[in-house]
Amino acid sequence: MMSGNVNLLEMVQIQPAFSPASLTTARTGDVVSMKNYRRCLVLFVKGIGTAGQDPTITLAQGTDVAFGTTKALTFTTVYEKADLTQISDVGQWTKITQAAAATYTDTTAAEKELVWAIDVKAEDLDTANDYDCIRASIGDVGTASQLGTVLYLLYDPVQMTKPESMPSAIAD
């Protein structure tokens, strides 16, 4: 149980993959290192777009933040909050299970405000071959403007500390 004196930022490192931007261009997120964290929640947040221009999220893993050696990072579970008009009306997550894949899309996602959450454990990476970094990317959705962003919430640190002393997730 968490002590009443613990600050959430003593347990979580938050790193944007990319700032909110139009998804009419593919967005490749920054790379984060999980060396000092046991888990990372990848959050994709987007506004309403045009039907048929559905986003696809892709996860990859690498051996360092330079991302010179990479391969697919497969996952089976995505949690979603989505609404056709106002996401603030959605209180509960919907669990979506797919066959193991490095990508996820929903053919009705474009016309919704939504949040997708993918929880990655450090042990999900190919640690036997020194993979300890991840990157999320969003594919080009088409021509209609649709704003979105991806955030990494790295948590369960190897060692809890003050927020200003938390290990960086953008350096090896």
N, C-alpha and C. Protein backbone atom coordinates (compact mmCIF):
# COMPACT_ATOMS: atom_id res chain seq x y z
N MET A 1 0.84 -1.18 0.00
CA MET A 1 0.00 0.00 0.00
C MET A 1 0.88 1.24 0.00
N MET A 2 0.47 2.23 -0.74
CA MET A 2 1.23 3.46 -0.89
C MET A 2 1.04 4.34 0.34
N SER A 3 2.12 4.89 0.83
CA SER A 3 2.09 5.81 1.96
C SER A 3 1.42 7.12 1.53
N GLY A 4 0.73 7.77 2.47
CA GLY A 4 0.07 9.04 2.18
C GLY A 4 1.04 10.16 1.85
N ASN A 5 2.33 9.97 2.11
CA ASN A 5 3.32 11.01 1.85
C ASN A 5 4.07 10.81 0.54
N VAL A 6 3.71 9.80 -0.24
CA VAL A 6 4.40 9.54 -1.49
C VAL A 6 3.77 10.37 -2.61
N ASN A 7 4.61 11.06 -3.35
CA ASN A 7 4.20 11.84 -4.51
C ASN A 7 4.16 10.90 -5.72
N LEU A 8 3.13 10.96 -6.53
CA LEU A 8 3.03 10.09 -7.70
C LEU A 8 4.27 10.20 -8.58
N LEU A 9 4.85 11.38 -8.67
CA LEU A 9 6.03 11.56 -9.51
C LEU A 9 7.28 10.89 -8.92
N GLU A 10 7.18 10.34 -7.72
CA GLU A 10 8.26 9.53 -7.17
C GLU A 10 8.19 8.10 -7.71
N MET A 11 7.09 7.79 -8.40
CA MET A 11 6.89 6.44 -8.92
C MET A 11 6.71 6.40 -10.43
N VAL A 12 6.53 7.57 -11.06
CA VAL A 12 6.22 7.63 -12.49
C VAL A 12 7.10 8.67 -13.18
N GLN A 13 7.68 8.28 -14.31
CA GLN A 13 8.40 9.21 -15.16
C GLN A 13 7.52 9.40 -16.41
N ILE A 14 7.16 10.63 -16.71
CA ILE A 14 6.29 10.92 -17.86
C ILE A 14 7.13 11.53 -18.97
N GLN A 15 7.00 10.96 -20.16
CA GLN A 15 7.79 11.44 -21.30
C GLN A 15 6.91 11.49 -22.53
N PRO A 16 6.77 12.65 -23.18
CA PRO A 16 6.02 12.70 -24.44
C PRO A 16 6.78 11.96 -25.54
N ALA A 17 6.06 11.20 -26.35
CA ALA A 17 6.66 10.60 -27.54
C ALA A 17 6.74 11.67 -28.63
N PHE A 18 5.67 12.46 -28.74
CA PHE A 18 5.65 13.63 -29.61
C PHE A 18 4.54 14.55 -29.12
N SER A 19 4.70 15.84 -29.37
CA SER A 19 3.71 16.83 -28.95
C SER A 19 2.43 16.66 -29.75
N PRO A 20 1.30 17.17 -29.23
CA PRO A 20 0.06 17.10 -30.01
C PRO A 20 0.28 17.68 -31.41
N ALA A 21 -0.13 16.91 -32.41
CA ALA A 21 0.11 17.31 -33.80
C ALA A 21 -0.93 16.69 -34.72
N SER A 22 -1.02 17.22 -35.92
CA SER A 22 -1.91 16.65 -36.92
C SER A 22 -1.38 15.26 -37.30
N LEU A 23 -2.31 14.33 -37.42
CA LEU A 23 -1.93 12.96 -37.78
C LEU A 23 -2.01 12.74 -39.30
N THR A 24 -2.10 13.84 -40.06
CA THR A 24 -2.09 13.72 -41.52
C THR A 24 -0.69 13.37 -42.02
N THR A 25 0.27 13.42 -41.13
CA THR A 25 1.63 12.98 -41.39
C THR A 25 1.95 11.90 -40.36
N ALA A 26 2.61 10.85 -40.76
CA ALA A 26 3.01 9.81 -39.80
C ALA A 26 3.86 10.44 -38.70
N ARG A 27 3.65 10.01 -37.48
CA ARG A 27 4.39 10.53 -36.33
C ARG A 27 5.19 9.40 -35.69
N THR A 28 6.50 9.57 -35.68
CA THR A 28 7.39 8.61 -35.04
C THR A 28 7.78 9.17 -33.69
N GLY A 29 7.44 8.45 -32.65
CA GLY A 29 7.71 8.92 -31.30
C GLY A 29 9.17 8.84 -30.92
N ASP A 30 9.53 9.64 -29.92
CA ASP A 30 10.86 9.51 -29.34
C ASP A 30 10.98 8.14 -28.69
N VAL A 31 12.19 7.73 -28.45
CA VAL A 31 12.49 6.44 -27.84
C VAL A 31 12.67 6.63 -26.35
N VAL A 32 12.17 5.68 -25.55
CA VAL A 32 12.40 5.70 -24.11
C VAL A 32 13.08 4.41 -23.68
N SER A 33 13.93 4.55 -22.68
CA SER A 33 14.64 3.41 -22.11
C SER A 33 13.90 2.92 -20.88
N MET A 34 13.74 1.62 -20.78
CA MET A 34 13.09 1.01 -19.62
C MET A 34 14.11 0.43 -18.64
N LYS A 35 15.39 0.78 -18.79
CA LYS A 35 16.43 0.23 -17.91
C LYS A 35 16.13 0.46 -16.43
N ASN A 36 15.54 1.60 -16.12
CA ASN A 36 15.29 1.93 -14.71
C ASN A 36 13.82 1.78 -14.32
N TYR A 37 13.01 1.19 -15.20
CA TYR A 37 11.58 1.04 -14.95
C TYR A 37 11.12 -0.36 -15.36
N ARG A 38 10.20 -0.91 -14.62
CA ARG A 38 9.71 -2.25 -14.90
C ARG A 38 8.51 -2.25 -15.85
N ARG A 39 7.85 -1.09 -15.99
CA ARG A 39 6.66 -1.01 -16.84
C ARG A 39 6.57 0.34 -17.52
N CYS A 40 5.86 0.35 -18.64
CA CYS A 40 5.60 1.60 -19.35
C CYS A 40 4.19 1.54 -19.93
N LEU A 41 3.38 2.53 -19.59
CA LEU A 41 2.05 2.65 -20.16
C LEU A 41 2.16 3.62 -21.33
N VAL A 42 1.84 3.14 -22.52
CA VAL A 42 1.86 3.96 -23.73
C VAL A 42 0.43 4.47 -23.93
N LEU A 43 0.27 5.80 -23.89
CA LEU A 43 -1.05 6.42 -24.04
C LEU A 43 -1.12 7.18 -25.35
N PHE A 44 -2.09 6.85 -26.17
CA PHE A 44 -2.37 7.57 -27.42
C PHE A 44 -3.70 8.30 -27.21
N VAL A 45 -3.68 9.62 -27.41
CA VAL A 45 -4.87 10.45 -27.23
C VAL A 45 -5.10 11.20 -28.53
N LYS A 46 -6.36 11.19 -29.02
CA LYS A 46 -6.64 11.89 -30.27
C LYS A 46 -8.04 12.48 -30.29
N GLY A 47 -8.19 13.47 -31.17
CA GLY A 47 -9.48 14.11 -31.37
C GLY A 47 -10.26 13.44 -32.49
N ILE A 48 -11.46 13.94 -32.73
CA ILE A 48 -12.33 13.40 -33.77
C ILE A 48 -11.79 13.74 -35.16
N GLY A 49 -11.86 12.74 -36.03
CA GLY A 49 -11.43 12.92 -37.41
C GLY A 49 -12.53 12.54 -38.37
N THR A 50 -12.15 12.11 -39.55
CA THR A 50 -13.07 11.75 -40.61
C THR A 50 -13.12 10.23 -40.77
N ALA A 51 -14.33 9.68 -40.88
CA ALA A 51 -14.49 8.24 -41.05
C ALA A 51 -13.60 7.72 -42.17
N GLY A 52 -13.01 6.56 -41.92
CA GLY A 52 -12.15 5.93 -42.92
C GLY A 52 -10.69 6.34 -42.82
N GLN A 53 -10.37 7.30 -41.97
CA GLN A 53 -8.98 7.74 -41.80
C GLN A 53 -8.52 7.36 -40.40
N ASP A 54 -8.52 6.05 -40.16
CA ASP A 54 -8.27 5.49 -38.84
C ASP A 54 -6.79 5.42 -38.50
N PRO A 55 -6.43 5.79 -37.27
CA PRO A 55 -5.03 5.71 -36.86
C PRO A 55 -4.60 4.28 -36.58
N THR A 56 -3.32 4.04 -36.75
CA THR A 56 -2.70 2.77 -36.39
C THR A 56 -1.52 3.09 -35.49
N ILE A 57 -1.47 2.42 -34.34
CA ILE A 57 -0.31 2.58 -33.45
C ILE A 57 0.60 1.37 -33.65
N THR A 58 1.90 1.63 -33.67
CA THR A 58 2.91 0.59 -33.83
C THR A 58 3.93 0.71 -32.71
N LEU A 59 4.27 -0.41 -32.09
CA LEU A 59 5.31 -0.43 -31.07
C LEU A 59 6.52 -1.19 -31.60
N ALA A 60 7.69 -0.66 -31.26
CA ALA A 60 8.95 -1.31 -31.62
C ALA A 60 9.86 -1.29 -30.40
N GLN A 61 10.82 -2.19 -30.39
CA GLN A 61 11.81 -2.25 -29.31
C GLN A 61 13.19 -2.11 -29.90
N GLY A 62 14.11 -1.57 -29.10
CA GLY A 62 15.47 -1.37 -29.56
C GLY A 62 16.47 -1.64 -28.45
N THR A 63 17.73 -1.71 -28.84
CA THR A 63 18.79 -2.01 -27.87
C THR A 63 19.36 -0.76 -27.20
N ASP A 64 19.03 0.43 -27.73
CA ASP A 64 19.47 1.67 -27.11
C ASP A 64 18.59 2.81 -27.60
N VAL A 65 18.73 4.00 -27.02
CA VAL A 65 17.87 5.12 -27.40
C VAL A 65 18.18 5.66 -28.79
N ALA A 66 19.34 5.31 -29.35
CA ALA A 66 19.63 5.69 -30.74
C ALA A 66 18.78 4.86 -31.71
N PHE A 67 18.26 3.75 -31.25
CA PHE A 67 17.35 2.87 -31.98
C PHE A 67 17.98 2.35 -33.28
N GLY A 68 19.29 2.01 -33.20
CA GLY A 68 19.98 1.46 -34.36
C GLY A 68 19.61 0.02 -34.64
N THR A 69 19.40 -0.77 -33.59
CA THR A 69 18.99 -2.16 -33.73
C THR A 69 17.57 -2.27 -33.18
N THR A 70 16.62 -2.59 -34.04
CA THR A 70 15.22 -2.59 -33.64
C THR A 70 14.49 -3.82 -34.16
N LYS A 71 13.35 -4.06 -33.54
CA LYS A 71 12.43 -5.08 -34.05
C LYS A 71 11.05 -4.81 -33.44
N ALA A 72 10.07 -5.52 -33.98
CA ALA A 72 8.69 -5.33 -33.54
C ALA A 72 8.54 -5.68 -32.06
N LEU A 73 7.63 -4.98 -31.40
CA LEU A 73 7.25 -5.28 -30.02
C LEU A 73 5.77 -5.66 -30.05
N THR A 74 5.49 -6.94 -29.91
CA THR A 74 4.11 -7.39 -30.02
C THR A 74 3.37 -7.24 -28.69
N PHE A 75 2.06 -7.06 -28.81
CA PHE A 75 1.19 -6.93 -27.64
C PHE A 75 -0.17 -7.51 -28.00
N THR A 76 -0.94 -7.86 -26.99
CA THR A 76 -2.25 -8.46 -27.24
C THR A 76 -3.40 -7.65 -26.65
N THR A 77 -3.10 -6.74 -25.72
CA THR A 77 -4.17 -6.02 -25.02
C THR A 77 -4.05 -4.52 -25.21
N VAL A 78 -5.18 -3.91 -25.54
CA VAL A 78 -5.29 -2.46 -25.64
C VAL A 78 -6.51 -2.08 -24.81
N TYR A 79 -6.36 -1.06 -23.98
CA TYR A 79 -7.51 -0.53 -23.25
C TYR A 79 -7.93 0.75 -23.95
N GLU A 80 -9.24 0.97 -24.05
CA GLU A 80 -9.75 2.10 -24.81
C GLU A 80 -10.84 2.84 -24.05
N LYS A 81 -10.80 4.16 -24.18
CA LYS A 81 -11.92 5.04 -23.82
C LYS A 81 -12.21 5.81 -25.10
N ALA A 82 -13.45 5.75 -25.59
CA ALA A 82 -13.78 6.39 -26.85
C ALA A 82 -15.23 6.87 -26.83
N ASP A 83 -15.48 7.97 -27.55
CA ASP A 83 -16.83 8.50 -27.66
C ASP A 83 -16.94 9.28 -28.96
N LEU A 84 -18.12 9.26 -29.55
CA LEU A 84 -18.35 9.96 -30.82
C LEU A 84 -18.37 11.47 -30.67
N THR A 85 -18.64 11.96 -29.46
CA THR A 85 -18.74 13.42 -29.29
C THR A 85 -17.91 13.97 -28.16
N GLN A 86 -17.82 13.24 -27.04
CA GLN A 86 -17.15 13.83 -25.87
C GLN A 86 -16.57 12.73 -25.00
N ILE A 87 -15.25 12.57 -25.06
CA ILE A 87 -14.60 11.50 -24.30
C ILE A 87 -14.76 11.67 -22.79
N SER A 88 -14.98 12.89 -22.35
CA SER A 88 -15.15 13.11 -20.90
C SER A 88 -16.42 12.44 -20.37
N ASP A 89 -17.28 11.94 -21.25
CA ASP A 89 -18.47 11.19 -20.83
C ASP A 89 -18.16 9.72 -20.54
N VAL A 90 -16.94 9.27 -20.86
CA VAL A 90 -16.59 7.86 -20.72
C VAL A 90 -15.81 7.65 -19.43
N GLY A 91 -16.37 6.85 -18.54
CA GLY A 91 -15.73 6.62 -17.25
C GLY A 91 -14.91 5.35 -17.16
N GLN A 92 -15.29 4.32 -17.88
CA GLN A 92 -14.63 3.02 -17.75
C GLN A 92 -13.82 2.68 -19.00
N TRP A 93 -12.78 1.90 -18.80
CA TRP A 93 -11.98 1.39 -19.91
C TRP A 93 -12.69 0.20 -20.54
N THR A 94 -12.51 0.02 -21.84
CA THR A 94 -12.93 -1.18 -22.55
C THR A 94 -11.68 -1.95 -22.88
N LYS A 95 -11.64 -3.23 -22.52
CA LYS A 95 -10.48 -4.07 -22.81
C LYS A 95 -10.66 -4.70 -24.18
N ILE A 96 -9.64 -4.54 -25.02
CA ILE A 96 -9.64 -5.11 -26.36
C ILE A 96 -8.49 -6.11 -26.43
N THR A 97 -8.80 -7.32 -26.86
CA THR A 97 -7.76 -8.34 -26.99
C THR A 97 -7.62 -8.70 -28.46
N GLN A 98 -6.39 -8.70 -28.92
CA GLN A 98 -6.11 -9.05 -30.31
C GLN A 98 -5.06 -10.15 -30.35
N ALA A 99 -4.89 -10.78 -31.50
CA ALA A 99 -3.78 -11.71 -31.69
C ALA A 99 -2.49 -10.90 -31.54
N ALA A 100 -1.44 -11.53 -31.04
CA ALA A 100 -0.18 -10.82 -30.84
C ALA A 100 0.26 -10.12 -32.12
N ALA A 101 0.47 -8.81 -32.02
CA ALA A 101 0.88 -8.00 -33.16
C ALA A 101 1.61 -6.77 -32.64
N ALA A 102 2.38 -6.14 -33.50
CA ALA A 102 3.10 -4.91 -33.13
C ALA A 102 2.29 -3.68 -33.46
N THR A 103 1.09 -3.86 -34.04
CA THR A 103 0.24 -2.74 -34.41
C THR A 103 -1.18 -2.96 -33.90
N TYR A 104 -1.91 -1.85 -33.80
CA TYR A 104 -3.33 -1.92 -33.48
C TYR A 104 -4.04 -0.81 -34.22
N THR A 105 -5.19 -1.13 -34.77
CA THR A 105 -6.08 -0.13 -35.35
C THR A 105 -7.51 -0.59 -35.13
N ASP A 106 -8.43 0.34 -35.24
CA ASP A 106 -9.86 0.08 -35.12
C ASP A 106 -10.49 0.83 -36.28
N THR A 107 -11.25 0.13 -37.11
CA THR A 107 -11.79 0.73 -38.34
C THR A 107 -12.90 1.75 -38.09
N THR A 108 -13.23 2.00 -36.83
CA THR A 108 -14.19 3.07 -36.52
C THR A 108 -13.57 4.12 -35.60
N ALA A 109 -12.25 4.09 -35.46
CA ALA A 109 -11.56 4.99 -34.53
C ALA A 109 -11.51 6.44 -35.01
N ALA A 110 -11.48 6.66 -36.30
CA ALA A 110 -11.29 8.02 -36.83
C ALA A 110 -12.37 8.98 -36.36
N GLU A 111 -13.60 8.51 -36.31
CA GLU A 111 -14.71 9.41 -36.00
C GLU A 111 -14.97 9.57 -34.50
N LYS A 112 -14.01 9.15 -33.67
CA LYS A 112 -14.18 9.22 -32.22
C LYS A 112 -13.06 10.03 -31.57
N GLU A 113 -13.38 10.65 -30.43
CA GLU A 113 -12.34 11.09 -29.51
C GLU A 113 -11.95 9.82 -28.76
N LEU A 114 -10.65 9.62 -28.56
CA LEU A 114 -10.29 8.37 -27.87
C LEU A 114 -8.95 8.44 -27.17
N VAL A 115 -8.78 7.48 -26.27
CA VAL A 115 -7.52 7.20 -25.60
C VAL A 115 -7.29 5.70 -25.73
N TRP A 116 -6.12 5.31 -26.22
CA TRP A 116 -5.70 3.91 -26.20
C TRP A 116 -4.57 3.80 -25.20
N ALA A 117 -4.59 2.76 -24.39
CA ALA A 117 -3.54 2.51 -23.40
C ALA A 117 -2.99 1.11 -23.62
N ILE A 118 -1.68 1.03 -23.79
CA ILE A 118 -1.00 -0.26 -23.96
C ILE A 118 0.06 -0.35 -22.87
N ASP A 119 -0.06 -1.36 -22.02
CA ASP A 119 0.87 -1.52 -20.90
C ASP A 119 1.98 -2.49 -21.31
N VAL A 120 3.21 -2.01 -21.26
CA VAL A 120 4.38 -2.81 -21.65
C VAL A 120 5.20 -3.11 -20.39
N LYS A 121 5.48 -4.38 -20.19
CA LYS A 121 6.37 -4.79 -19.10
C LYS A 121 7.78 -4.90 -19.66
N ALA A 122 8.77 -4.57 -18.84
CA ALA A 122 10.16 -4.70 -19.28
C ALA A 122 10.44 -6.14 -19.71
N GLU A 123 9.82 -7.09 -19.05
CA GLU A 123 10.03 -8.50 -19.38
C GLU A 123 9.41 -8.89 -20.73
N ASP A 124 8.54 -8.03 -21.29
CA ASP A 124 7.97 -8.27 -22.62
C ASP A 124 9.00 -8.04 -23.73
N LEU A 125 10.05 -7.29 -23.39
CA LEU A 125 11.10 -7.00 -24.37
C LEU A 125 12.04 -8.19 -24.49
N ASP A 126 12.78 -8.24 -25.56
CA ASP A 126 13.76 -9.31 -25.78
C ASP A 126 15.02 -8.98 -24.97
N THR A 127 14.92 -9.11 -23.67
CA THR A 127 16.03 -8.75 -22.78
C THR A 127 17.23 -9.68 -22.96
N ALA A 128 16.98 -10.91 -23.41
CA ALA A 128 18.09 -11.84 -23.64
C ALA A 128 19.05 -11.30 -24.70
N ASN A 129 18.53 -10.47 -25.59
CA ASN A 129 19.36 -9.87 -26.64
C ASN A 129 19.54 -8.37 -26.43
N ASP A 130 19.41 -7.92 -25.18
CA ASP A 130 19.69 -6.55 -24.75
C ASP A 130 18.71 -5.49 -25.27
N TYR A 131 17.49 -5.86 -25.56
CA TYR A 131 16.46 -4.88 -25.93
C TYR A 131 15.87 -4.32 -24.65
N ASP A 132 15.97 -3.00 -24.48
CA ASP A 132 15.44 -2.37 -23.27
C ASP A 132 14.82 -1.00 -23.54
N CYS A 133 14.63 -0.67 -24.81
CA CYS A 133 14.04 0.61 -25.20
C CYS A 133 12.80 0.37 -26.06
N ILE A 134 11.86 1.33 -26.01
CA ILE A 134 10.67 1.20 -26.84
C ILE A 134 10.35 2.51 -27.55
N ARG A 135 9.57 2.39 -28.62
CA ARG A 135 9.12 3.55 -29.38
C ARG A 135 7.71 3.26 -29.91
N ALA A 136 6.85 4.25 -29.82
CA ALA A 136 5.51 4.18 -30.39
C ALA A 136 5.43 5.13 -31.57
N SER A 137 4.73 4.71 -32.60
CA SER A 137 4.53 5.53 -33.79
C SER A 137 3.08 5.45 -34.21
N ILE A 138 2.60 6.52 -34.84
CA ILE A 138 1.25 6.57 -35.37
C ILE A 138 1.36 6.78 -36.88
N GLY A 139 0.70 5.93 -37.64
CA GLY A 139 0.75 6.04 -39.09
C GLY A 139 -0.07 7.22 -39.60
N ASP A 140 0.23 7.65 -40.81
CA ASP A 140 -0.50 8.72 -41.50
C ASP A 140 -1.96 8.30 -41.64
N VAL A 141 -2.88 9.14 -41.15
CA VAL A 141 -4.31 8.79 -41.18
C VAL A 141 -5.00 9.21 -42.46
N GLY A 142 -4.39 10.05 -43.26
CA GLY A 142 -5.03 10.54 -44.48
C GLY A 142 -5.00 12.04 -44.54
N THR A 143 -5.97 12.64 -45.23
CA THR A 143 -5.93 14.07 -45.51
C THR A 143 -6.69 14.94 -44.52
N ALA A 144 -7.66 14.37 -43.79
CA ALA A 144 -8.45 15.18 -42.86
C ALA A 144 -7.68 15.41 -41.56
N SER A 145 -7.76 16.63 -41.07
CA SER A 145 -7.05 16.97 -39.84
C SER A 145 -7.60 16.18 -38.66
N GLN A 146 -6.70 15.63 -37.89
CA GLN A 146 -7.02 14.83 -36.71
C GLN A 146 -5.84 15.00 -35.77
N LEU A 147 -6.05 15.65 -34.65
CA LEU A 147 -4.93 15.90 -33.73
C LEU A 147 -4.73 14.73 -32.78
N GLY A 148 -3.46 14.47 -32.45
CA GLY A 148 -3.16 13.39 -31.53
C GLY A 148 -1.80 13.54 -30.90
N THR A 149 -1.58 12.76 -29.86
CA THR A 149 -0.28 12.72 -29.18
C THR A 149 -0.10 11.36 -28.53
N VAL A 150 1.14 11.02 -28.23
CA VAL A 150 1.46 9.81 -27.47
C VAL A 150 2.31 10.22 -26.28
N LEU A 151 1.97 9.67 -25.13
CA LEU A 151 2.75 9.87 -23.91
C LEU A 151 3.21 8.52 -23.39
N TYR A 152 4.41 8.49 -22.82
CA TYR A 152 4.91 7.30 -22.12
C TYR A 152 4.83 7.59 -20.62
N LEU A 153 4.24 6.70 -19.88
CA LEU A 153 4.23 6.78 -18.42
C LEU A 153 5.03 5.59 -17.92
N LEU A 154 6.31 5.83 -17.63
CA LEU A 154 7.18 4.77 -17.13
C LEU A 154 6.99 4.68 -15.62
N TYR A 155 6.73 3.48 -15.13
CA TYR A 155 6.43 3.35 -13.71
C TYR A 155 7.04 2.08 -13.14
N ASP A 156 6.82 1.88 -11.85
CA ASP A 156 7.46 0.80 -11.10
C ASP A 156 8.97 0.92 -11.26
N PRO A 157 9.51 2.06 -10.79
CA PRO A 157 10.95 2.28 -10.95
C PRO A 157 11.77 1.27 -10.16
N VAL A 158 12.96 0.99 -10.65
CA VAL A 158 13.87 0.10 -9.93
C VAL A 158 14.15 0.69 -8.55
N GLN A 159 14.23 2.04 -8.48
CA GLN A 159 14.42 2.71 -7.20
C GLN A 159 13.59 3.99 -7.18
N MET A 160 12.69 4.10 -6.20
CA MET A 160 11.90 5.32 -6.04
C MET A 160 12.79 6.43 -5.50
N THR A 161 12.53 7.65 -5.96
CA THR A 161 13.29 8.80 -5.50
C THR A 161 12.45 10.05 -5.72
N LYS A 162 12.99 11.19 -5.34
CA LYS A 162 12.29 12.46 -5.55
C LYS A 162 12.07 12.69 -7.04
N PRO A 163 10.98 13.37 -7.42
CA PRO A 163 10.72 13.59 -8.84
C PRO A 163 11.89 14.19 -9.61
N GLU A 164 12.57 15.14 -9.00
CA GLU A 164 13.70 15.78 -9.69
C GLU A 164 14.92 14.88 -9.79
N SER A 165 14.88 13.72 -9.11
CA SER A 165 16.01 12.78 -9.17
C SER A 165 15.66 11.49 -9.90
N MET A 166 14.44 11.39 -10.42
CA MET A 166 14.04 10.18 -11.15
C MET A 166 14.95 10.00 -12.36
N PRO A 167 15.37 8.78 -12.64
CA PRO A 167 16.23 8.54 -13.80
C PRO A 167 15.53 8.96 -15.10
N SER A 168 16.28 9.55 -15.99
CA SER A 168 15.76 9.92 -17.30
C SER A 168 15.34 8.69 -18.07
N ALA A 169 14.30 8.83 -18.87
CA ALA A 169 13.88 7.74 -19.73
C ALA A 169 14.36 7.96 -21.16
N ILE A 170 14.99 9.09 -21.44
CA ILE A 170 15.45 9.38 -22.80
C ILE A 170 16.96 9.22 -22.97
N ALA A 171 17.60 8.65 -21.96
CA ALA A 171 19.04 8.38 -22.02
C ALA A 171 19.27 6.94 -21.59
N ASP A 172 20.31 6.33 -22.16
CA ASP A 172 20.64 4.95 -21.78
C ASP A 172 21.33 4.92 -20.43
